[in-house]
Amino acid sequence: MTAPVQHQMYIDGQFVSGRGDGWIDVLNPATEALLSRIPDGTAEEARLAIDAAERAQPAWEALPAIERAGLVTQNCRWYPPAC
């Protein structure tokens, strides 16, 4: 068995390792197989991510639905487990 991939957090356009002291297992809900691990972020990191998302929302909302769909599709090609 191979080791699960450990991912960084993506906050405000940057990958960050996180300041927490642990990892959270990401499981396949159908099989409970371990898919990956993500950092156990801090409350401050959560606030930074929420603030960044709130700033990005107006531009995202202004895009036509077909363009948003295209971006989601590109993300699925880049990271299939998310889809």
PDB file of N, CA and C in Angstrom:
ATOM      1  N   MET A   1       0.834  -1.174   0.000  1.00  0.00           N
ATOM      2  CA  MET A   1       0.000   0.000   0.000  1.00  0.00           C
ATOM      3  C   MET A   1       0.885   1.246   0.000  1.00  0.00           C
ATOM      4  N   THR A   2       0.524   2.218  -0.808  1.00  0.00           N
ATOM      5  CA  THR A   2       1.294   3.447  -0.853  1.00  0.00           C
ATOM      6  C   THR A   2       0.793   4.423   0.202  1.00  0.00           C
ATOM      7  N   ALA A   3       1.672   5.294   0.612  1.00  0.00           N
ATOM      8  CA  ALA A   3       1.304   6.299   1.613  1.00  0.00           C
ATOM      9  C   ALA A   3       0.347   7.311   0.995  1.00  0.00           C
ATOM     10  N   PRO A   4      -0.618   7.797   1.765  1.00  0.00           N
ATOM     11  CA  PRO A   4      -1.543   8.793   1.227  1.00  0.00           C
ATOM     12  C   PRO A   4      -0.821  10.111   0.952  1.00  0.00           C
ATOM     13  N   VAL A   5      -1.327  10.833  -0.019  1.00  0.00           N
ATOM     14  CA  VAL A   5      -0.775  12.136  -0.351  1.00  0.00           C
ATOM     15  C   VAL A   5      -1.155  13.125   0.747  1.00  0.00           C
ATOM     16  N   GLN A   6      -0.215  13.931   1.139  1.00  0.00           N
ATOM     17  CA  GLN A   6      -0.498  14.987   2.103  1.00  0.00           C
ATOM     18  C   GLN A   6      -0.543  16.311   1.345  1.00  0.00           C
ATOM     19  N   HIS A   7      -1.651  17.028   1.497  1.00  0.00           N
ATOM     20  CA  HIS A   7      -1.867  18.276   0.778  1.00  0.00           C
ATOM     21  C   HIS A   7      -1.687  19.468   1.694  1.00  0.00           C
ATOM     22  N   GLN A   8      -1.289  20.576   1.091  1.00  0.00           N
ATOM     23  CA  GLN A   8      -1.273  21.836   1.814  1.00  0.00           C
ATOM     24  C   GLN A   8      -2.650  22.479   1.703  1.00  0.00           C
ATOM     25  N   MET A   9      -2.878  23.509   2.503  1.00  0.00           N
ATOM     26  CA  MET A   9      -4.098  24.298   2.373  1.00  0.00           C
ATOM     27  C   MET A   9      -3.874  25.339   1.278  1.00  0.00           C
ATOM     28  N   TYR A  10      -4.955  25.749   0.632  1.00  0.00           N
ATOM     29  CA  TYR A  10      -4.890  26.784  -0.401  1.00  0.00           C
ATOM     30  C   TYR A  10      -5.685  27.972   0.115  1.00  0.00           C
ATOM     31  N   ILE A  11      -4.982  29.025   0.514  1.00  0.00           N
ATOM     32  CA  ILE A  11      -5.620  30.193   1.108  1.00  0.00           C
ATOM     33  C   ILE A  11      -5.193  31.435   0.344  1.00  0.00           C
ATOM     34  N   ASP A  12      -6.166  32.140  -0.196  1.00  0.00           N
ATOM     35  CA  ASP A  12      -5.930  33.423  -0.864  1.00  0.00           C
ATOM     36  C   ASP A  12      -4.883  33.314  -1.967  1.00  0.00           C
ATOM     37  N   GLY A  13      -5.006  32.261  -2.780  1.00  0.00           N
ATOM     38  CA  GLY A  13      -4.132  32.098  -3.938  1.00  0.00           C
ATOM     39  C   GLY A  13      -2.769  31.508  -3.645  1.00  0.00           C
ATOM     40  N   GLN A  14      -2.558  31.021  -2.443  1.00  0.00           N
ATOM     41  CA  GLN A  14      -1.259  30.452  -2.095  1.00  0.00           C
ATOM     42  C   GLN A  14      -1.431  29.137  -1.341  1.00  0.00           C
ATOM     43  N   PHE A  15      -0.522  28.208  -1.613  1.00  0.00           N
ATOM     44  CA  PHE A  15      -0.485  26.976  -0.830  1.00  0.00           C
ATOM     45  C   PHE A  15       0.276  27.254   0.467  1.00  0.00           C
ATOM     46  N   VAL A  16      -0.309  26.847   1.578  1.00  0.00           N
ATOM     47  CA  VAL A  16       0.328  27.048   2.884  1.00  0.00           C
ATOM     48  C   VAL A  16       0.311  25.729   3.655  1.00  0.00           C
ATOM     49  N   SER A  17       1.339  25.517   4.446  1.00  0.00           N
ATOM     50  CA  SER A  17       1.463  24.260   5.184  1.00  0.00           C
ATOM     51  C   SER A  17       0.541  24.189   6.382  1.00  0.00           C
ATOM     52  N   GLY A  18       0.223  25.299   6.945  1.00  0.00           N
ATOM     53  CA  GLY A  18      -0.626  25.310   8.125  1.00  0.00           C
ATOM     54  C   GLY A  18       0.197  25.362   9.389  1.00  0.00           C
ATOM     55  N   ARG A  19      -0.380  25.978  10.396  1.00  0.00           N
ATOM     56  CA  ARG A  19       0.319  26.149  11.668  1.00  0.00           C
ATOM     57  C   ARG A  19      -0.163  25.170  12.728  1.00  0.00           C
ATOM     58  N   GLY A  20      -1.164  24.380  12.388  1.00  0.00           N
ATOM     59  CA  GLY A  20      -1.657  23.382  13.335  1.00  0.00           C
ATOM     60  C   GLY A  20      -0.619  22.297  13.555  1.00  0.00           C
ATOM     61  N   ASP A  21      -0.870  21.435  14.506  1.00  0.00           N
ATOM     62  CA  ASP A  21       0.130  20.425  14.847  1.00  0.00           C
ATOM     63  C   ASP A  21      -0.275  19.012  14.454  1.00  0.00           C
ATOM     64  N   GLY A  22      -1.183  18.889  13.507  1.00  0.00           N
ATOM     65  CA  GLY A  22      -1.601  17.551  13.110  1.00  0.00           C
ATOM     66  C   GLY A  22      -2.167  17.513  11.704  1.00  0.00           C
ATOM     67  N   TRP A  23      -2.700  16.366  11.354  1.00  0.00           N
ATOM     68  CA  TRP A  23      -3.283  16.132  10.037  1.00  0.00           C
ATOM     69  C   TRP A  23      -4.680  15.564  10.207  1.00  0.00           C
ATOM     70  N   ILE A  24      -5.520  15.801   9.209  1.00  0.00           N
ATOM     71  CA  ILE A  24      -6.868  15.245   9.171  1.00  0.00           C
ATOM     72  C   ILE A  24      -6.921  14.253   8.017  1.00  0.00           C
ATOM     73  N   ASP A  25      -7.370  13.045   8.284  1.00  0.00           N
ATOM     74  CA  ASP A  25      -7.512  12.037   7.236  1.00  0.00           C
ATOM     75  C   ASP A  25      -8.747  12.339   6.394  1.00  0.00           C
ATOM     76  N   VAL A  26      -8.591  12.246   5.069  1.00  0.00           N
ATOM     77  CA  VAL A  26      -9.705  12.404   4.136  1.00  0.00           C
ATOM     78  C   VAL A  26     -10.047  11.009   3.628  1.00  0.00           C
ATOM     79  N   LEU A  27     -11.262  10.564   3.911  1.00  0.00           N
ATOM     80  CA  LEU A  27     -11.677   9.201   3.582  1.00  0.00           C
ATOM     81  C   LEU A  27     -12.680   9.188   2.441  1.00  0.00           C
ATOM     82  N   ASN A  28     -12.639   8.130   1.648  1.00  0.00           N
ATOM     83  CA  ASN A  28     -13.667   7.887   0.648  1.00  0.00           C
ATOM     84  C   ASN A  28     -14.933   7.503   1.410  1.00  0.00           C
ATOM     85  N   PRO A  29     -16.033   8.258   1.249  1.00  0.00           N
ATOM     86  CA  PRO A  29     -17.224   7.953   2.042  1.00  0.00           C
ATOM     87  C   PRO A  29     -17.859   6.608   1.705  1.00  0.00           C
ATOM     88  N   ALA A  30     -17.615   6.098   0.507  1.00  0.00           N
ATOM     89  CA  ALA A  30     -18.210   4.823   0.118  1.00  0.00           C
ATOM     90  C   ALA A  30     -17.433   3.634   0.672  1.00  0.00           C
ATOM     91  N   THR A  31     -16.108   3.758   0.695  1.00  0.00           N
ATOM     92  CA  THR A  31     -15.275   2.618   1.088  1.00  0.00           C
ATOM     93  C   THR A  31     -14.499   2.843   2.382  1.00  0.00           C
ATOM     94  N   GLU A  32     -14.471   4.078   2.840  1.00  0.00           N
ATOM     95  CA  GLU A  32     -13.683   4.491   3.995  1.00  0.00           C
ATOM     96  C   GLU A  32     -12.185   4.309   3.781  1.00  0.00           C
ATOM     97  N   ALA A  33     -11.766   4.194   2.514  1.00  0.00           N
ATOM     98  CA  ALA A  33     -10.344   4.119   2.196  1.00  0.00           C
ATOM     99  C   ALA A  33      -9.723   5.502   2.399  1.00  0.00           C
ATOM    100  N   LEU A  34      -8.502   5.524   2.881  1.00  0.00           N
ATOM    101  CA  LEU A  34      -7.792   6.775   3.091  1.00  0.00           C
ATOM    102  C   LEU A  34      -7.363   7.341   1.741  1.00  0.00           C
ATOM    103  N   LEU A  35      -7.845   8.538   1.405  1.00  0.00           N
ATOM    104  CA  LEU A  35      -7.509   9.179   0.138  1.00  0.00           C
ATOM    105  C   LEU A  35      -6.307  10.100   0.266  1.00  0.00           C
ATOM    106  N   SER A  36      -6.298  10.916   1.302  1.00  0.00           N
ATOM    107  CA  SER A  36      -5.216  11.869   1.498  1.00  0.00           C
ATOM    108  C   SER A  36      -5.270  12.400   2.923  1.00  0.00           C
ATOM    109  N   ARG A  37      -4.339  13.286   3.200  1.00  0.00           N
ATOM    110  CA  ARG A  37      -4.321  13.965   4.496  1.00  0.00           C
ATOM    111  C   ARG A  37      -4.202  15.462   4.240  1.00  0.00           C
ATOM    112  N   ILE A  38      -4.886  16.232   5.075  1.00  0.00           N
ATOM    113  CA  ILE A  38      -4.822  17.687   4.979  1.00  0.00           C
ATOM    114  C   ILE A  38      -4.398  18.247   6.334  1.00  0.00           C
ATOM    115  N   PRO A  39      -3.768  19.426   6.335  1.00  0.00           N
ATOM    116  CA  PRO A  39      -3.347  19.998   7.614  1.00  0.00           C
ATOM    117  C   PRO A  39      -4.536  20.307   8.514  1.00  0.00           C
ATOM    118  N   ASP A  40      -4.337  20.117   9.798  1.00  0.00           N
ATOM    119  CA  ASP A  40      -5.320  20.520  10.799  1.00  0.00           C
ATOM    120  C   ASP A  40      -5.049  21.994  11.088  1.00  0.00           C
ATOM    121  N   GLY A  41      -5.719  22.857  10.331  1.00  0.00           N
ATOM    122  CA  GLY A  41      -5.459  24.287  10.406  1.00  0.00           C
ATOM    123  C   GLY A  41      -5.952  24.920  11.693  1.00  0.00           C
ATOM    124  N   THR A  42      -5.511  26.136  11.904  1.00  0.00           N
ATOM    125  CA  THR A  42      -5.886  26.893  13.090  1.00  0.00           C
ATOM    126  C   THR A  42      -7.128  27.736  12.810  1.00  0.00           C
ATOM    127  N   ALA A  43      -7.702  28.291  13.858  1.00  0.00           N
ATOM    128  CA  ALA A  43      -8.846  29.194  13.702  1.00  0.00           C
ATOM    129  C   ALA A  43      -8.445  30.422  12.890  1.00  0.00           C
ATOM    130  N   GLU A  44      -7.238  30.907  13.084  1.00  0.00           N
ATOM    131  CA  GLU A  44      -6.760  32.062  12.316  1.00  0.00           C
ATOM    132  C   GLU A  44      -6.696  31.727  10.827  1.00  0.00           C
ATOM    133  N   GLU A  45      -6.215  30.533  10.495  1.00  0.00           N
ATOM    134  CA  GLU A  45      -6.150  30.129   9.086  1.00  0.00           C
ATOM    135  C   GLU A  45      -7.546  29.989   8.496  1.00  0.00           C
ATOM    136  N   ALA A  46      -8.484  29.498   9.279  1.00  0.00           N
ATOM    137  CA  ALA A  46      -9.870  29.419   8.810  1.00  0.00           C
ATOM    138  C   ALA A  46     -10.407  30.812   8.521  1.00  0.00           C
ATOM    139  N   ARG A  47     -10.140  31.770   9.392  1.00  0.00           N
ATOM    140  CA  ARG A  47     -10.595  33.147   9.187  1.00  0.00           C
ATOM    141  C   ARG A  47      -9.961  33.737   7.933  1.00  0.00           C
ATOM    142  N   LEU A  48      -8.668  33.495   7.704  1.00  0.00           N
ATOM    143  CA  LEU A  48      -8.003  33.984   6.494  1.00  0.00           C
ATOM    144  C   LEU A  48      -8.652  33.403   5.239  1.00  0.00           C
ATOM    145  N   ALA A  49      -8.981  32.111   5.276  1.00  0.00           N
ATOM    146  CA  ALA A  49      -9.618  31.466   4.125  1.00  0.00           C
ATOM    147  C   ALA A  49     -11.018  32.025   3.885  1.00  0.00           C
ATOM    148  N   ILE A  50     -11.775  32.234   4.947  1.00  0.00           N
ATOM    149  CA  ILE A  50     -13.127  32.786   4.814  1.00  0.00           C
ATOM    150  C   ILE A  50     -13.065  34.202   4.259  1.00  0.00           C
ATOM    151  N   ASP A  51     -12.157  35.014   4.772  1.00  0.00           N
ATOM    152  CA  ASP A  51     -12.011  36.386   4.279  1.00  0.00           C
ATOM    153  C   ASP A  51     -11.652  36.401   2.795  1.00  0.00           C
ATOM    154  N   ALA A  52     -10.734  35.523   2.385  1.00  0.00           N
ATOM    155  CA  ALA A  52     -10.342  35.453   0.976  1.00  0.00           C
ATOM    156  C   ALA A  52     -11.517  35.019   0.106  1.00  0.00           C
ATOM    157  N   ALA A  53     -12.288  34.053   0.576  1.00  0.00           N
ATOM    158  CA  ALA A  53     -13.451  33.588  -0.187  1.00  0.00           C
ATOM    159  C   ALA A  53     -14.494  34.693  -0.330  1.00  0.00           C
ATOM    160  N   GLU A  54     -14.701  35.451   0.731  1.00  0.00           N
ATOM    161  CA  GLU A  54     -15.669  36.552   0.662  1.00  0.00           C
ATOM    162  C   GLU A  54     -15.215  37.629  -0.318  1.00  0.00           C
ATOM    163  N   ARG A  55     -13.910  37.894  -0.379  1.00  0.00           N
ATOM    164  CA  ARG A  55     -13.397  38.874  -1.346  1.00  0.00           C
ATOM    165  C   ARG A  55     -13.528  38.362  -2.779  1.00  0.00           C
ATOM    166  N   ALA A  56     -13.372  37.058  -2.976  1.00  0.00           N
ATOM    167  CA  ALA A  56     -13.419  36.480  -4.321  1.00  0.00           C
ATOM    168  C   ALA A  56     -14.839  36.290  -4.839  1.00  0.00           C
ATOM    169  N   GLN A  57     -15.811  36.184  -3.958  1.00  0.00           N
ATOM    170  CA  GLN A  57     -17.185  35.848  -4.354  1.00  0.00           C
ATOM    171  C   GLN A  57     -17.784  36.788  -5.402  1.00  0.00           C
ATOM    172  N   PRO A  58     -17.676  38.117  -5.283  1.00  0.00           N
ATOM    173  CA  PRO A  58     -18.303  38.977  -6.294  1.00  0.00           C
ATOM    174  C   PRO A  58     -17.787  38.717  -7.716  1.00  0.00           C
ATOM    175  N   ALA A  59     -16.485  38.509  -7.862  1.00  0.00           N
ATOM    176  CA  ALA A  59     -15.935  38.240  -9.195  1.00  0.00           C
ATOM    177  C   ALA A  59     -16.412  36.887  -9.717  1.00  0.00           C
ATOM    178  N   TRP A  60     -16.467  35.888  -8.842  1.00  0.00           N
ATOM    179  CA  TRP A  60     -16.949  34.560  -9.230  1.00  0.00           C
ATOM    180  C   TRP A  60     -18.411  34.629  -9.656  1.00  0.00           C
ATOM    181  N   GLU A  61     -19.208  35.323  -8.870  1.00  0.00           N
ATOM    182  CA  GLU A  61     -20.636  35.452  -9.153  1.00  0.00           C
ATOM    183  C   GLU A  61     -20.887  36.197 -10.462  1.00  0.00           C
ATOM    184  N   ALA A  62     -19.988  37.114 -10.820  1.00  0.00           N
ATOM    185  CA  ALA A  62     -20.152  37.901 -12.044  1.00  0.00           C
ATOM    186  C   ALA A  62     -19.851  37.097 -13.305  1.00  0.00           C
ATOM    187  N   LEU A  63     -19.135  35.985 -13.175  1.00  0.00           N
ATOM    188  CA  LEU A  63     -18.833  35.161 -14.352  1.00  0.00           C
ATOM    189  C   LEU A  63     -20.092  34.452 -14.831  1.00  0.00           C
ATOM    190  N   PRO A  64     -20.263  34.338 -16.147  1.00  0.00           N
ATOM    191  CA  PRO A  64     -21.378  33.535 -16.648  1.00  0.00           C
ATOM    192  C   PRO A  64     -21.240  32.081 -16.173  1.00  0.00           C
ATOM    193  N   ALA A  65     -22.361  31.427 -16.008  1.00  0.00           N
ATOM    194  CA  ALA A  65     -22.367  30.050 -15.496  1.00  0.00           C
ATOM    195  C   ALA A  65     -21.499  29.126 -16.339  1.00  0.00           C
ATOM    196  N   ILE A  66     -21.498  29.304 -17.652  1.00  0.00           N
ATOM    197  CA  ILE A  66     -20.707  28.428 -18.526  1.00  0.00           C
ATOM    198  C   ILE A  66     -19.211  28.580 -18.229  1.00  0.00           C
ATOM    199  N   GLU A  67     -18.773  29.787 -17.902  1.00  0.00           N
ATOM    200  CA  GLU A  67     -17.361  29.995 -17.560  1.00  0.00           C
ATOM    201  C   GLU A  67     -17.028  29.376 -16.203  1.00  0.00           C
ATOM    202  N   ARG A  68     -17.936  29.510 -15.254  1.00  0.00           N
ATOM    203  CA  ARG A  68     -17.711  28.875 -13.947  1.00  0.00           C
ATOM    204  C   ARG A  68     -17.626  27.362 -14.113  1.00  0.00           C
ATOM    205  N   ALA A  69     -18.514  26.806 -14.941  1.00  0.00           N
ATOM    206  CA  ALA A  69     -18.493  25.358 -15.187  1.00  0.00           C
ATOM    207  C   ALA A  69     -17.165  24.934 -15.803  1.00  0.00           C
ATOM    208  N   GLY A  70     -16.652  25.734 -16.721  1.00  0.00           N
ATOM    209  CA  GLY A  70     -15.368  25.424 -17.339  1.00  0.00           C
ATOM    210  C   GLY A  70     -14.230  25.413 -16.329  1.00  0.00           C
ATOM    211  N   LEU A  71     -14.258  26.351 -15.407  1.00  0.00           N
ATOM    212  CA  LEU A  71     -13.219  26.394 -14.375  1.00  0.00           C
ATOM    213  C   LEU A  71     -13.314  25.199 -13.435  1.00  0.00           C
ATOM    214  N   VAL A  72     -14.529  24.807 -13.098  1.00  0.00           N
ATOM    215  CA  VAL A  72     -14.707  23.626 -12.248  1.00  0.00           C
ATOM    216  C   VAL A  72     -14.203  22.384 -12.977  1.00  0.00           C
ATOM    217  N   THR A  73     -14.497  22.281 -14.272  1.00  0.00           N
ATOM    218  CA  THR A  73     -14.027  21.144 -15.070  1.00  0.00           C
ATOM    219  C   THR A  73     -12.504  21.106 -15.111  1.00  0.00           C
ATOM    220  N   GLN A  74     -11.872  22.263 -15.285  1.00  0.00           N
ATOM    221  CA  GLN A  74     -10.407  22.313 -15.276  1.00  0.00           C
ATOM    222  C   GLN A  74      -9.862  21.825 -13.936  1.00  0.00           C
ATOM    223  N   ASN A  75     -10.506  22.227 -12.861  1.00  0.00           N
ATOM    224  CA  ASN A  75     -10.080  21.777 -11.538  1.00  0.00           C
ATOM    225  C   ASN A  75     -10.188  20.260 -11.424  1.00  0.00           C
ATOM    226  N   CYS A  76     -11.237  19.686 -11.998  1.00  0.00           N
ATOM    227  CA  CYS A  76     -11.409  18.229 -11.952  1.00  0.00           C
ATOM    228  C   CYS A  76     -10.302  17.517 -12.714  1.00  0.00           C
ATOM    229  N   ARG A  77      -9.827  18.111 -13.782  1.00  0.00           N
ATOM    230  CA  ARG A  77      -8.707  17.506 -14.518  1.00  0.00           C
ATOM    231  C   ARG A  77      -7.421  17.602 -13.706  1.00  0.00           C
ATOM    232  N   TRP A  78      -7.271  18.719 -12.976  1.00  0.00           N
ATOM    233  CA  TRP A  78      -6.076  18.941 -12.176  1.00  0.00           C
ATOM    234  C   TRP A  78      -6.070  18.059 -10.937  1.00  0.00           C
ATOM    235  N   TYR A  79      -7.244  17.879 -10.330  1.00  0.00           N
ATOM    236  CA  TYR A  79      -7.338  17.111  -9.093  1.00  0.00           C
ATOM    237  C   TYR A  79      -8.603  16.258  -9.104  1.00  0.00           C
ATOM    238  N   PRO A  80      -8.575  15.106  -9.801  1.00  0.00           N
ATOM    239  CA  PRO A  80      -9.770  14.262  -9.956  1.00  0.00           C
ATOM    240  C   PRO A  80     -10.463  13.839  -8.666  1.00  0.00           C
ATOM    241  N   PRO A  81      -9.764  13.593  -7.550  1.00  0.00           N
ATOM    242  CA  PRO A  81     -10.514  13.180  -6.351  1.00  0.00           C
ATOM    243  C   PRO A  81     -11.538  14.203  -5.872  1.00  0.00           C
ATOM    244  N   ALA A  82     -11.414  15.450  -6.300  1.00  0.00           N
ATOM    245  CA  ALA A  82     -12.365  16.479  -5.868  1.00  0.00           C
ATOM    246  C   ALA A  82     -13.683  16.399  -6.617  1.00  0.00           C
ATOM    247  N   CYS A  83     -13.738  15.581  -7.642  1.00  0.00           N
ATOM    248  CA  CYS A  83     -14.935  15.586  -8.497  1.00  0.00           C
ATOM    249  C   CYS A  83     -15.784  14.361  -8.358  1.00  0.00           C
TER     250      CYS A  83
END
